[in-house]
Amino acid sequence: MSADEPGQSGPIDPSGLSVSSRLRAEADGELSPLDLRDDEVQDRQGRIAFERSLREAVGRVQSVETAPESLRTRIAGTLGVPSTAALSERVKPVFPREHPTIYRERLPWRRQLWLAAAAAVTLVTVLMLYGPLRISFGPPTFTAIAAFTTEQHEGCAKLGSQFKSKMTARTESEARKAAIQILPKVPSVLELHSAELARLGYRFAGLGRCAVPGRGRSAHLLYAPDPAIAPGAPSVSLFVQEDTGELAIDPNCRYVHRPTDPAAPSRTTPGVTMWRQDGLVYYLVAPPLPAEVLRAFDAPDEMRSIL
């Protein structure tokens, strides 16, 4: 440590100091003029005067004028502080760098804003891909399920943007792999009846995750007509949902819901046919289909209507 550095103890030895250090020491009163060499006397006065004026200027800036005691007492009384010492502690400014804990406490608000924005984007994406979400305080009604599945069918049957974003599996092989990740088991239509459906003019188009009302997980399968075998036939959607026992329906029957609008052409407007089988519930969205097509989808023969 050099002699002019902070922390030096004892008297200063001028023999080891530079001219500048000696002049600063004299300006601080640490050396007397008699300690200077003759060759340093010529510019000593100007340098020392500058050093002392610099110190005076710094001192003026650093000085703090306190408020009168009477004013501090009135402010303390207004704030309900019992003493000026407590007042000083109460109004002490807080800076983030001096109080990192307080500064960190402010950060979660920004983090929460970003999380809220991310959640909003996720919700919009889900609504676009899988249709509106429904919060249910009881078992879903068949009418609500029919409305949802019909809406989803009509959005995907055009094979447009909704179909492309929702139907992630485009081959039956991909669909079987995707189905086992969504449902408790692979629907029988993907394992046993593909060739029969193709013979009747319905080819597999895609499978995607869905959000059919109810607690069970669900998937949406779409079948497009083969123009060579069934020209002009409409597309057919099969929604498959995990059976959680919410719907008390007879597993030996299929239940059919048709539009009640008398102006709707019943032969072309899709209705919804529902049945349950082996831990799964099926919703077939299509206009009236021949019995052999219904059998290919594994629907029971006995039918009951739902108004």
C-alpha atoms as a PDB file:
ATOM      1  CA  MET A   1       0.000   0.000   0.000  1.00  0.00           C
ATOM      2  CA  SER A   2       1.470   3.443  -0.949  1.00  0.00           C
ATOM      3  CA  ALA A   3       1.763   6.167   1.623  1.00  0.00           C
ATOM      4  CA  ASP A   4      -1.048   8.337   0.178  1.00  0.00           C
ATOM      5  CA  GLU A   5      -3.660   5.559  -0.050  1.00  0.00           C
ATOM      6  CA  PRO A   6      -6.607   5.388   2.365  1.00  0.00           C
ATOM      7  CA  GLY A   7      -5.958   3.387   5.467  1.00  0.00           C
ATOM      8  CA  GLN A   8      -2.357   4.670   5.937  1.00  0.00           C
ATOM      9  CA  SER A   9      -1.542   4.877   9.648  1.00  0.00           C
ATOM     10  CA  GLY A  10       1.101   6.998  11.401  1.00  0.00           C
ATOM     11  CA  PRO A  11       2.863  10.158  10.115  1.00  0.00           C
ATOM     12  CA  ILE A  12       3.369  10.580   6.378  1.00  0.00           C
ATOM     13  CA  ASP A  13       6.916  10.143   5.088  1.00  0.00           C
ATOM     14  CA  PRO A  14       7.327  12.842   2.375  1.00  0.00           C
ATOM     15  CA  SER A  15      10.434  11.234   0.892  1.00  0.00           C
ATOM     16  CA  GLY A  16       8.453   8.552  -0.950  1.00  0.00           C
ATOM     17  CA  LEU A  17       5.702  10.839  -2.333  1.00  0.00           C
ATOM     18  CA  SER A  18       5.404  12.313  -5.799  1.00  0.00           C
ATOM     19  CA  VAL A  19       5.029  16.067  -6.268  1.00  0.00           C
ATOM     20  CA  SER A  20       1.278  15.774  -6.832  1.00  0.00           C
ATOM     21  CA  SER A  21       0.821  13.588  -3.761  1.00  0.00           C
ATOM     22  CA  ARG A  22       2.849  16.005  -1.627  1.00  0.00           C
ATOM     23  CA  LEU A  23       0.773  18.978  -2.816  1.00  0.00           C
ATOM     24  CA  ARG A  24      -2.496  17.148  -2.074  1.00  0.00           C
ATOM     25  CA  ALA A  25      -1.152  16.248   1.367  1.00  0.00           C
ATOM     26  CA  GLU A  26      -0.333  19.907   2.046  1.00  0.00           C
ATOM     27  CA  ALA A  27      -3.794  20.976   0.854  1.00  0.00           C
ATOM     28  CA  ASP A  28      -5.244  18.492   3.345  1.00  0.00           C
ATOM     29  CA  GLY A  29      -2.992  19.842   6.118  1.00  0.00           C
ATOM     30  CA  GLU A  30      -0.982  16.659   6.371  1.00  0.00           C
ATOM     31  CA  LEU A  31       2.350  18.290   5.377  1.00  0.00           C
ATOM     32  CA  SER A  32       3.703  21.733   6.189  1.00  0.00           C
ATOM     33  CA  PRO A  33       5.297  23.972   3.493  1.00  0.00           C
ATOM     34  CA  LEU A  34       8.687  23.494   5.107  1.00  0.00           C
ATOM     35  CA  ASP A  35       8.666  19.853   4.022  1.00  0.00           C
ATOM     36  CA  LEU A  36       8.730  20.756   0.301  1.00  0.00           C
ATOM     37  CA  ARG A  37      11.867  20.937  -1.764  1.00  0.00           C
ATOM     38  CA  ASP A  38      12.978  24.223  -3.321  1.00  0.00           C
ATOM     39  CA  ASP A  39      12.149  23.152  -6.906  1.00  0.00           C
ATOM     40  CA  GLU A  40       8.543  22.545  -5.864  1.00  0.00           C
ATOM     41  CA  VAL A  41       7.894  25.985  -4.327  1.00  0.00           C
ATOM     42  CA  GLN A  42       7.304  27.796  -7.651  1.00  0.00           C
ATOM     43  CA  ASP A  43       3.947  26.140  -8.555  1.00  0.00           C
ATOM     44  CA  ARG A  44       3.046  25.132  -4.998  1.00  0.00           C
ATOM     45  CA  GLN A  45       0.740  28.065  -4.292  1.00  0.00           C
ATOM     46  CA  GLY A  46      -1.429  27.662  -7.424  1.00  0.00           C
ATOM     47  CA  ARG A  47      -1.778  23.931  -7.065  1.00  0.00           C
ATOM     48  CA  ILE A  48      -2.589  24.086  -3.367  1.00  0.00           C
ATOM     49  CA  ALA A  49      -5.166  26.829  -3.953  1.00  0.00           C
ATOM     50  CA  PHE A  50      -6.832  24.686  -6.630  1.00  0.00           C
ATOM     51  CA  GLU A  51      -6.891  21.591  -4.418  1.00  0.00           C
ATOM     52  CA  ARG A  52      -8.424  23.528  -1.512  1.00  0.00           C
ATOM     53  CA  SER A  53     -11.055  25.222  -3.706  1.00  0.00           C
ATOM     54  CA  LEU A  54     -11.985  21.815  -5.100  1.00  0.00           C
ATOM     55  CA  ARG A  55     -12.435  20.457  -1.596  1.00  0.00           C
ATOM     56  CA  GLU A  56     -14.582  23.448  -0.601  1.00  0.00           C
ATOM     57  CA  ALA A  57     -16.827  22.992  -3.646  1.00  0.00           C
ATOM     58  CA  VAL A  58     -17.317  19.312  -2.879  1.00  0.00           C
ATOM     59  CA  GLY A  59     -18.076  20.186   0.722  1.00  0.00           C
ATOM     60  CA  ARG A  60     -20.753  22.699  -0.310  1.00  0.00           C
ATOM     61  CA  VAL A  61     -22.472  20.152  -2.551  1.00  0.00           C
ATOM     62  CA  GLN A  62     -22.360  17.417   0.085  1.00  0.00           C
ATOM     63  CA  SER A  63     -23.685  19.599   2.894  1.00  0.00           C
ATOM     64  CA  VAL A  64     -27.289  18.910   3.897  1.00  0.00           C
ATOM     65  CA  GLU A  65     -29.497  21.618   5.336  1.00  0.00           C
ATOM     66  CA  THR A  66     -31.994  20.220   7.806  1.00  0.00           C
ATOM     67  CA  ALA A  67     -35.526  21.506   8.204  1.00  0.00           C
ATOM     68  CA  PRO A  68     -36.349  23.571  11.290  1.00  0.00           C
ATOM     69  CA  GLU A  69     -37.314  21.523  14.308  1.00  0.00           C
ATOM     70  CA  SER A  70     -40.766  23.138  14.412  1.00  0.00           C
ATOM     71  CA  LEU A  71     -41.492  22.052  10.824  1.00  0.00           C
ATOM     72  CA  ARG A  72     -40.320  18.507  11.498  1.00  0.00           C
ATOM     73  CA  THR A  73     -42.516  18.373  14.604  1.00  0.00           C
ATOM     74  CA  ARG A  74     -45.628  19.447  12.632  1.00  0.00           C
ATOM     75  CA  ILE A  75     -44.960  16.857   9.916  1.00  0.00           C
ATOM     76  CA  ALA A  76     -44.429  14.172  12.536  1.00  0.00           C
ATOM     77  CA  GLY A  77     -47.725  15.088  14.175  1.00  0.00           C
ATOM     78  CA  THR A  78     -49.572  14.971  10.839  1.00  0.00           C
ATOM     79  CA  LEU A  79     -48.216  11.506  10.098  1.00  0.00           C
ATOM     80  CA  GLY A  80     -48.798  10.279  13.636  1.00  0.00           C
ATOM     81  CA  VAL A  81     -45.109   9.608  14.251  1.00  0.00           C
ATOM     82  CA  PRO A  82     -44.147   9.988  17.928  1.00  0.00           C
ATOM     83  CA  SER A  83     -40.663  11.361  17.354  1.00  0.00           C
ATOM     84  CA  THR A  84     -38.501  12.962  14.708  1.00  0.00           C
ATOM     85  CA  ALA A  85     -36.187   9.977  14.832  1.00  0.00           C
ATOM     86  CA  ALA A  86     -39.081   7.666  14.024  1.00  0.00           C
ATOM     87  CA  LEU A  87     -40.169  10.070  11.297  1.00  0.00           C
ATOM     88  CA  SER A  88     -36.727   9.932   9.699  1.00  0.00           C
ATOM     89  CA  GLU A  89     -36.874   6.150   9.759  1.00  0.00           C
ATOM     90  CA  ARG A  90     -40.420   6.158   8.322  1.00  0.00           C
ATOM     91  CA  VAL A  91     -39.734   8.452   5.387  1.00  0.00           C
ATOM     92  CA  LYS A  92     -36.361   6.930   4.595  1.00  0.00           C
ATOM     93  CA  PRO A  93     -36.175   6.473   0.801  1.00  0.00           C
ATOM     94  CA  VAL A  94     -36.020   2.925  -0.521  1.00  0.00           C
ATOM     95  CA  PHE A  95     -33.916   2.076  -3.534  1.00  0.00           C
ATOM     96  CA  PRO A  96     -34.031  -1.328  -5.276  1.00  0.00           C
ATOM     97  CA  ARG A  97     -30.285  -1.847  -5.205  1.00  0.00           C
ATOM     98  CA  GLU A  98     -30.102  -1.153  -1.471  1.00  0.00           C
ATOM     99  CA  HIS A  99     -33.136  -3.365  -0.766  1.00  0.00           C
ATOM    100  CA  PRO A 100     -33.038  -6.327  -3.185  1.00  0.00           C
ATOM    101  CA  THR A 101     -35.778  -8.131  -1.227  1.00  0.00           C
ATOM    102  CA  ILE A 102     -38.281  -5.318  -1.803  1.00  0.00           C
ATOM    103  CA  TYR A 103     -37.225  -5.078  -5.420  1.00  0.00           C
ATOM    104  CA  ARG A 104     -37.748  -8.820  -5.938  1.00  0.00           C
ATOM    105  CA  GLU A 105     -41.215  -8.571  -4.423  1.00  0.00           C
ATOM    106  CA  ARG A 106     -42.228  -6.288  -7.283  1.00  0.00           C
ATOM    107  CA  LEU A 107     -41.060  -8.675  -9.972  1.00  0.00           C
ATOM    108  CA  PRO A 108     -43.840 -11.316  -9.544  1.00  0.00           C
ATOM    109  CA  TRP A 109     -46.388  -8.791 -10.804  1.00  0.00           C
ATOM    110  CA  ARG A 110     -44.558  -8.562 -14.134  1.00  0.00           C
ATOM    111  CA  ARG A 111     -44.154 -12.327 -14.196  1.00  0.00           C
ATOM    112  CA  GLN A 112     -47.880 -12.779 -13.548  1.00  0.00           C
ATOM    113  CA  LEU A 113     -48.720 -10.433 -16.426  1.00  0.00           C
ATOM    114  CA  TRP A 114     -46.629 -12.536 -18.794  1.00  0.00           C
ATOM    115  CA  LEU A 115     -48.181 -15.753 -17.469  1.00  0.00           C
ATOM    116  CA  ALA A 116     -51.669 -14.295 -17.912  1.00  0.00           C
ATOM    117  CA  ALA A 117     -50.862 -13.308 -21.491  1.00  0.00           C
ATOM    118  CA  ALA A 118     -49.489 -16.781 -22.237  1.00  0.00           C
ATOM    119  CA  ALA A 119     -52.595 -18.384 -20.726  1.00  0.00           C
ATOM    120  CA  ALA A 120     -54.842 -16.189 -22.882  1.00  0.00           C
ATOM    121  CA  VAL A 121     -52.973 -17.203 -26.037  1.00  0.00           C
ATOM    122  CA  THR A 122     -53.248 -20.874 -25.044  1.00  0.00           C
ATOM    123  CA  LEU A 123     -56.992 -20.551 -24.407  1.00  0.00           C
ATOM    124  CA  VAL A 124     -57.583 -18.895 -27.778  1.00  0.00           C
ATOM    125  CA  THR A 125     -55.609 -21.672 -29.489  1.00  0.00           C
ATOM    126  CA  VAL A 126     -57.652 -24.376 -27.744  1.00  0.00           C
ATOM    127  CA  LEU A 127     -60.912 -22.666 -28.707  1.00  0.00           C
ATOM    128  CA  MET A 128     -59.818 -22.445 -32.338  1.00  0.00           C
ATOM    129  CA  LEU A 129     -58.720 -26.087 -32.515  1.00  0.00           C
ATOM    130  CA  TYR A 130     -61.276 -27.869 -30.394  1.00  0.00           C
ATOM    131  CA  GLY A 131     -64.279 -25.567 -30.214  1.00  0.00           C
ATOM    132  CA  PRO A 132     -65.689 -23.686 -27.239  1.00  0.00           C
ATOM    133  CA  LEU A 133     -65.000 -25.104 -23.804  1.00  0.00           C
ATOM    134  CA  ARG A 134     -67.947 -25.764 -21.531  1.00  0.00           C
ATOM    135  CA  ILE A 135     -67.859 -25.708 -17.737  1.00  0.00           C
ATOM    136  CA  SER A 136     -70.357 -28.234 -16.484  1.00  0.00           C
ATOM    137  CA  PHE A 137     -71.735 -28.631 -12.972  1.00  0.00           C
ATOM    138  CA  GLY A 138     -73.456 -31.893 -13.821  1.00  0.00           C
ATOM    139  CA  PRO A 139     -73.678 -34.562 -16.505  1.00  0.00           C
ATOM    140  CA  PRO A 140     -73.906 -33.069 -20.015  1.00  0.00           C
ATOM    141  CA  THR A 141     -77.206 -33.321 -21.827  1.00  0.00           C
ATOM    142  CA  PHE A 142     -77.473 -35.125 -25.126  1.00  0.00           C
ATOM    143  CA  THR A 143     -78.733 -31.877 -26.685  1.00  0.00           C
ATOM    144  CA  ALA A 144     -75.551 -30.052 -25.652  1.00  0.00           C
ATOM    145  CA  ILE A 145     -73.396 -32.900 -26.950  1.00  0.00           C
ATOM    146  CA  ALA A 146     -75.308 -32.983 -30.234  1.00  0.00           C
ATOM    147  CA  ALA A 147     -74.862 -29.231 -30.712  1.00  0.00           C
ATOM    148  CA  PHE A 148     -71.145 -29.414 -30.013  1.00  0.00           C
ATOM    149  CA  THR A 149     -70.409 -32.423 -32.217  1.00  0.00           C
ATOM    150  CA  THR A 150     -72.499 -31.051 -35.083  1.00  0.00           C
ATOM    151  CA  GLU A 151     -70.623 -27.757 -34.942  1.00  0.00           C
ATOM    152  CA  GLN A 152     -67.263 -29.527 -34.940  1.00  0.00           C
ATOM    153  CA  HIS A 153     -68.320 -31.810 -37.783  1.00  0.00           C
ATOM    154  CA  GLU A 154     -69.426 -28.936 -39.990  1.00  0.00           C
ATOM    155  CA  GLY A 155     -66.165 -27.074 -39.331  1.00  0.00           C
ATOM    156  CA  CYS A 156     -63.975 -30.035 -40.297  1.00  0.00           C
ATOM    157  CA  ALA A 157     -66.093 -31.591 -43.085  1.00  0.00           C
ATOM    158  CA  LYS A 158     -64.995 -28.848 -45.483  1.00  0.00           C
ATOM    159  CA  LEU A 159     -61.399 -30.121 -45.160  1.00  0.00           C
ATOM    160  CA  GLY A 160     -60.251 -26.534 -44.661  1.00  0.00           C
ATOM    161  CA  SER A 161     -58.113 -24.816 -42.055  1.00  0.00           C
ATOM    162  CA  GLN A 162     -59.942 -26.284 -39.051  1.00  0.00           C
ATOM    163  CA  PHE A 163     -59.533 -29.796 -40.422  1.00  0.00           C
ATOM    164  CA  LYS A 164     -55.824 -29.252 -41.126  1.00  0.00           C
ATOM    165  CA  SER A 165     -55.085 -27.842 -37.676  1.00  0.00           C
ATOM    166  CA  LYS A 166     -57.166 -30.356 -35.734  1.00  0.00           C
ATOM    167  CA  MET A 167     -56.686 -33.658 -37.570  1.00  0.00           C
ATOM    168  CA  THR A 168     -53.081 -34.466 -36.744  1.00  0.00           C
ATOM    169  CA  ALA A 169     -53.322 -38.147 -37.793  1.00  0.00           C
ATOM    170  CA  ARG A 170     -54.053 -38.552 -41.509  1.00  0.00           C
ATOM    171  CA  THR A 171     -53.608 -42.312 -41.978  1.00  0.00           C
ATOM    172  CA  GLU A 172     -55.276 -45.173 -40.113  1.00  0.00           C
ATOM    173  CA  SER A 173     -51.887 -46.317 -38.839  1.00  0.00           C
ATOM    174  CA  GLU A 174     -51.219 -42.870 -37.367  1.00  0.00           C
ATOM    175  CA  ALA A 175     -54.788 -42.761 -36.039  1.00  0.00           C
ATOM    176  CA  ARG A 176     -54.367 -46.011 -34.087  1.00  0.00           C
ATOM    177  CA  LYS A 177     -51.216 -44.681 -32.430  1.00  0.00           C
ATOM    178  CA  ALA A 178     -52.873 -41.356 -31.611  1.00  0.00           C
ATOM    179  CA  ALA A 179     -56.064 -42.991 -30.323  1.00  0.00           C
ATOM    180  CA  ILE A 180     -54.245 -45.097 -27.736  1.00  0.00           C
ATOM    181  CA  GLN A 181     -52.672 -41.910 -26.356  1.00  0.00           C
ATOM    182  CA  ILE A 182     -56.060 -40.178 -26.037  1.00  0.00           C
ATOM    183  CA  LEU A 183     -58.528 -42.983 -25.249  1.00  0.00           C
ATOM    184  CA  PRO A 184     -58.464 -46.072 -23.012  1.00  0.00           C
ATOM    185  CA  LYS A 185     -58.442 -48.263 -26.119  1.00  0.00           C
ATOM    186  CA  VAL A 186     -58.430 -48.056 -29.908  1.00  0.00           C
ATOM    187  CA  PRO A 187     -61.977 -47.805 -31.323  1.00  0.00           C
ATOM    188  CA  SER A 188     -63.076 -50.951 -33.139  1.00  0.00           C
ATOM    189  CA  VAL A 189     -63.809 -48.991 -36.294  1.00  0.00           C
ATOM    190  CA  LEU A 190     -60.059 -48.408 -36.706  1.00  0.00           C
ATOM    191  CA  GLU A 191     -59.166 -52.055 -36.147  1.00  0.00           C
ATOM    192  CA  LEU A 192     -61.935 -54.184 -37.619  1.00  0.00           C
ATOM    193  CA  HIS A 193     -64.135 -52.260 -40.030  1.00  0.00           C
ATOM    194  CA  SER A 194     -61.878 -50.084 -42.184  1.00  0.00           C
ATOM    195  CA  ALA A 195     -62.136 -52.351 -45.229  1.00  0.00           C
ATOM    196  CA  GLU A 196     -65.927 -52.564 -44.905  1.00  0.00           C
ATOM    197  CA  LEU A 197     -66.287 -48.782 -44.709  1.00  0.00           C
ATOM    198  CA  ALA A 198     -64.024 -48.360 -47.732  1.00  0.00           C
ATOM    199  CA  ARG A 199     -66.169 -50.835 -49.656  1.00  0.00           C
ATOM    200  CA  LEU A 200     -69.263 -48.788 -48.778  1.00  0.00           C
ATOM    201  CA  GLY A 201     -67.625 -45.595 -50.027  1.00  0.00           C
ATOM    202  CA  TYR A 202     -66.228 -43.998 -46.867  1.00  0.00           C
ATOM    203  CA  ARG A 203     -62.482 -43.528 -46.556  1.00  0.00           C
ATOM    204  CA  PHE A 204     -60.657 -42.410 -43.432  1.00  0.00           C
ATOM    205  CA  ALA A 205     -59.611 -38.723 -43.608  1.00  0.00           C
ATOM    206  CA  GLY A 206     -58.189 -37.847 -40.185  1.00  0.00           C
ATOM    207  CA  LEU A 207     -58.224 -38.088 -36.398  1.00  0.00           C
ATOM    208  CA  GLY A 208     -57.627 -35.385 -33.810  1.00  0.00           C
ATOM    209  CA  ARG A 209     -58.041 -34.705 -30.132  1.00  0.00           C
ATOM    210  CA  CYS A 210     -61.401 -33.163 -29.204  1.00  0.00           C
ATOM    211  CA  ALA A 211     -63.296 -31.746 -26.207  1.00  0.00           C
ATOM    212  CA  VAL A 212     -66.735 -33.358 -26.231  1.00  0.00           C
ATOM    213  CA  PRO A 213     -68.724 -32.131 -23.175  1.00  0.00           C
ATOM    214  CA  GLY A 214     -68.239 -34.410 -20.180  1.00  0.00           C
ATOM    215  CA  ARG A 215     -65.413 -35.757 -18.053  1.00  0.00           C
ATOM    216  CA  GLY A 216     -64.142 -38.354 -20.497  1.00  0.00           C
ATOM    217  CA  ARG A 217     -61.300 -37.770 -22.934  1.00  0.00           C
ATOM    218  CA  SER A 218     -62.388 -37.709 -26.559  1.00  0.00           C
ATOM    219  CA  ALA A 219     -61.244 -37.899 -30.173  1.00  0.00           C
ATOM    220  CA  HIS A 220     -62.781 -36.876 -33.486  1.00  0.00           C
ATOM    221  CA  LEU A 221     -62.590 -39.144 -36.565  1.00  0.00           C
ATOM    222  CA  LEU A 222     -63.643 -37.880 -39.983  1.00  0.00           C
ATOM    223  CA  TYR A 223     -64.584 -40.051 -42.970  1.00  0.00           C
ATOM    224  CA  ALA A 224     -64.869 -38.547 -46.441  1.00  0.00           C
ATOM    225  CA  PRO A 225     -66.954 -40.101 -49.238  1.00  0.00           C
ATOM    226  CA  ASP A 226     -65.221 -41.843 -52.122  1.00  0.00           C
ATOM    227  CA  PRO A 227     -66.588 -40.100 -55.221  1.00  0.00           C
ATOM    228  CA  ALA A 228     -66.087 -43.248 -57.290  1.00  0.00           C
ATOM    229  CA  ILE A 229     -68.320 -45.342 -55.001  1.00  0.00           C
ATOM    230  CA  ALA A 230     -70.603 -42.828 -53.276  1.00  0.00           C
ATOM    231  CA  PRO A 231     -70.744 -39.713 -55.451  1.00  0.00           C
ATOM    232  CA  GLY A 232     -72.427 -36.786 -53.711  1.00  0.00           C
ATOM    233  CA  ALA A 233     -72.483 -38.470 -50.307  1.00  0.00           C
ATOM    234  CA  PRO A 234     -71.694 -36.238 -47.310  1.00  0.00           C
ATOM    235  CA  SER A 235     -68.760 -36.579 -44.952  1.00  0.00           C
ATOM    236  CA  VAL A 236     -69.299 -38.432 -41.683  1.00  0.00           C
ATOM    237  CA  SER A 237     -67.813 -37.664 -38.253  1.00  0.00           C
ATOM    238  CA  LEU A 238     -67.399 -40.189 -35.460  1.00  0.00           C
ATOM    239  CA  PHE A 239     -66.664 -38.762 -32.015  1.00  0.00           C
ATOM    240  CA  VAL A 240     -65.340 -41.286 -29.510  1.00  0.00           C
ATOM    241  CA  GLN A 241     -65.291 -40.496 -25.787  1.00  0.00           C
ATOM    242  CA  GLU A 242     -64.092 -42.313 -22.699  1.00  0.00           C
ATOM    243  CA  ASP A 243     -67.141 -43.727 -20.893  1.00  0.00           C
ATOM    244  CA  THR A 244     -67.184 -42.320 -17.341  1.00  0.00           C
ATOM    245  CA  GLY A 245     -70.761 -43.414 -16.608  1.00  0.00           C
ATOM    246  CA  GLU A 246     -72.247 -39.924 -16.839  1.00  0.00           C
ATOM    247  CA  LEU A 247     -74.806 -40.967 -19.468  1.00  0.00           C
ATOM    248  CA  ALA A 248     -77.264 -43.636 -18.358  1.00  0.00           C
ATOM    249  CA  ILE A 249     -77.970 -45.266 -21.710  1.00  0.00           C
ATOM    250  CA  ASP A 250     -78.689 -48.837 -22.707  1.00  0.00           C
ATOM    251  CA  PRO A 251     -75.587 -50.395 -24.327  1.00  0.00           C
ATOM    252  CA  ASN A 252     -77.851 -52.503 -26.558  1.00  0.00           C
ATOM    253  CA  CYS A 253     -79.460 -49.511 -28.277  1.00  0.00           C
ATOM    254  CA  ARG A 254     -78.441 -46.571 -30.377  1.00  0.00           C
ATOM    255  CA  TYR A 255     -80.056 -43.199 -29.644  1.00  0.00           C
ATOM    256  CA  VAL A 256     -80.815 -40.830 -32.524  1.00  0.00           C
ATOM    257  CA  HIS A 257     -81.239 -37.062 -32.312  1.00  0.00           C
ATOM    258  CA  ARG A 258     -82.563 -35.236 -35.374  1.00  0.00           C
ATOM    259  CA  PRO A 259     -82.959 -31.465 -35.931  1.00  0.00           C
ATOM    260  CA  THR A 260     -86.372 -30.201 -34.825  1.00  0.00           C
ATOM    261  CA  ASP A 261     -86.492 -27.386 -37.379  1.00  0.00           C
ATOM    262  CA  PRO A 262     -89.346 -28.338 -39.760  1.00  0.00           C
ATOM    263  CA  ALA A 263     -87.689 -26.380 -42.564  1.00  0.00           C
ATOM    264  CA  ALA A 264     -84.517 -28.484 -42.362  1.00  0.00           C
ATOM    265  CA  PRO A 265     -84.211 -31.132 -45.096  1.00  0.00           C
ATOM    266  CA  SER A 266     -84.141 -34.262 -42.937  1.00  0.00           C
ATOM    267  CA  ARG A 267     -82.467 -36.429 -45.582  1.00  0.00           C
ATOM    268  CA  THR A 268     -79.376 -34.228 -45.890  1.00  0.00           C
ATOM    269  CA  THR A 269     -79.116 -32.420 -42.536  1.00  0.00           C
ATOM    270  CA  PRO A 270     -76.824 -34.300 -40.148  1.00  0.00           C
ATOM    271  CA  GLY A 271     -78.234 -35.783 -36.991  1.00  0.00           C
ATOM    272  CA  VAL A 272     -76.390 -37.410 -34.088  1.00  0.00           C
ATOM    273  CA  THR A 273     -76.511 -41.108 -33.257  1.00  0.00           C
ATOM    274  CA  MET A 274     -75.152 -42.165 -29.854  1.00  0.00           C
ATOM    275  CA  TRP A 275     -74.281 -45.560 -28.366  1.00  0.00           C
ATOM    276  CA  ARG A 276     -71.899 -47.007 -25.789  1.00  0.00           C
ATOM    277  CA  GLN A 277     -69.693 -50.060 -26.119  1.00  0.00           C
ATOM    278  CA  ASP A 278     -66.719 -51.567 -24.246  1.00  0.00           C
ATOM    279  CA  GLY A 279     -65.791 -48.505 -22.189  1.00  0.00           C
ATOM    280  CA  LEU A 280     -66.352 -45.968 -24.969  1.00  0.00           C
ATOM    281  CA  VAL A 281     -69.241 -43.724 -26.014  1.00  0.00           C
ATOM    282  CA  TYR A 282     -69.735 -43.039 -29.732  1.00  0.00           C
ATOM    283  CA  TYR A 283     -71.401 -40.053 -31.419  1.00  0.00           C
ATOM    284  CA  LEU A 284     -71.933 -40.452 -35.164  1.00  0.00           C
ATOM    285  CA  VAL A 285     -72.733 -37.169 -36.928  1.00  0.00           C
ATOM    286  CA  ALA A 286     -74.303 -37.794 -40.344  1.00  0.00           C
ATOM    287  CA  PRO A 287     -77.578 -37.639 -42.244  1.00  0.00           C
ATOM    288  CA  PRO A 288     -79.636 -40.871 -42.213  1.00  0.00           C
ATOM    289  CA  LEU A 289     -77.335 -43.699 -43.286  1.00  0.00           C
ATOM    290  CA  PRO A 290     -78.074 -47.177 -44.612  1.00  0.00           C
ATOM    291  CA  ALA A 291     -78.140 -49.937 -42.010  1.00  0.00           C
ATOM    292  CA  GLU A 292     -75.013 -51.577 -43.435  1.00  0.00           C
ATOM    293  CA  VAL A 293     -73.032 -48.347 -42.966  1.00  0.00           C
ATOM    294  CA  LEU A 294     -74.233 -48.101 -39.363  1.00  0.00           C
ATOM    295  CA  ARG A 295     -73.153 -51.698 -38.765  1.00  0.00           C
ATOM    296  CA  ALA A 296     -69.734 -50.920 -40.231  1.00  0.00           C
ATOM    297  CA  PHE A 297     -69.398 -48.220 -37.574  1.00  0.00           C
ATOM    298  CA  ASP A 298     -70.387 -50.893 -35.002  1.00  0.00           C
ATOM    299  CA  ALA A 299     -73.662 -49.218 -34.010  1.00  0.00           C
ATOM    300  CA  PRO A 300     -76.372 -51.441 -32.397  1.00  0.00           C
ATOM    301  CA  ASP A 301     -79.373 -52.363 -34.527  1.00  0.00           C
ATOM    302  CA  GLU A 302     -82.059 -51.343 -32.044  1.00  0.00           C
ATOM    303  CA  MET A 303     -82.842 -47.638 -32.285  1.00  0.00           C
ATOM    304  CA  ARG A 304     -84.479 -45.120 -29.929  1.00  0.00           C
ATOM    305  CA  SER A 305     -85.270 -41.524 -30.824  1.00  0.00           C
ATOM    306  CA  ILE A 306     -84.428 -38.507 -28.709  1.00  0.00           C
ATOM    307  CA  LEU A 307     -86.361 -35.313 -29.290  1.00  0.00           C
END
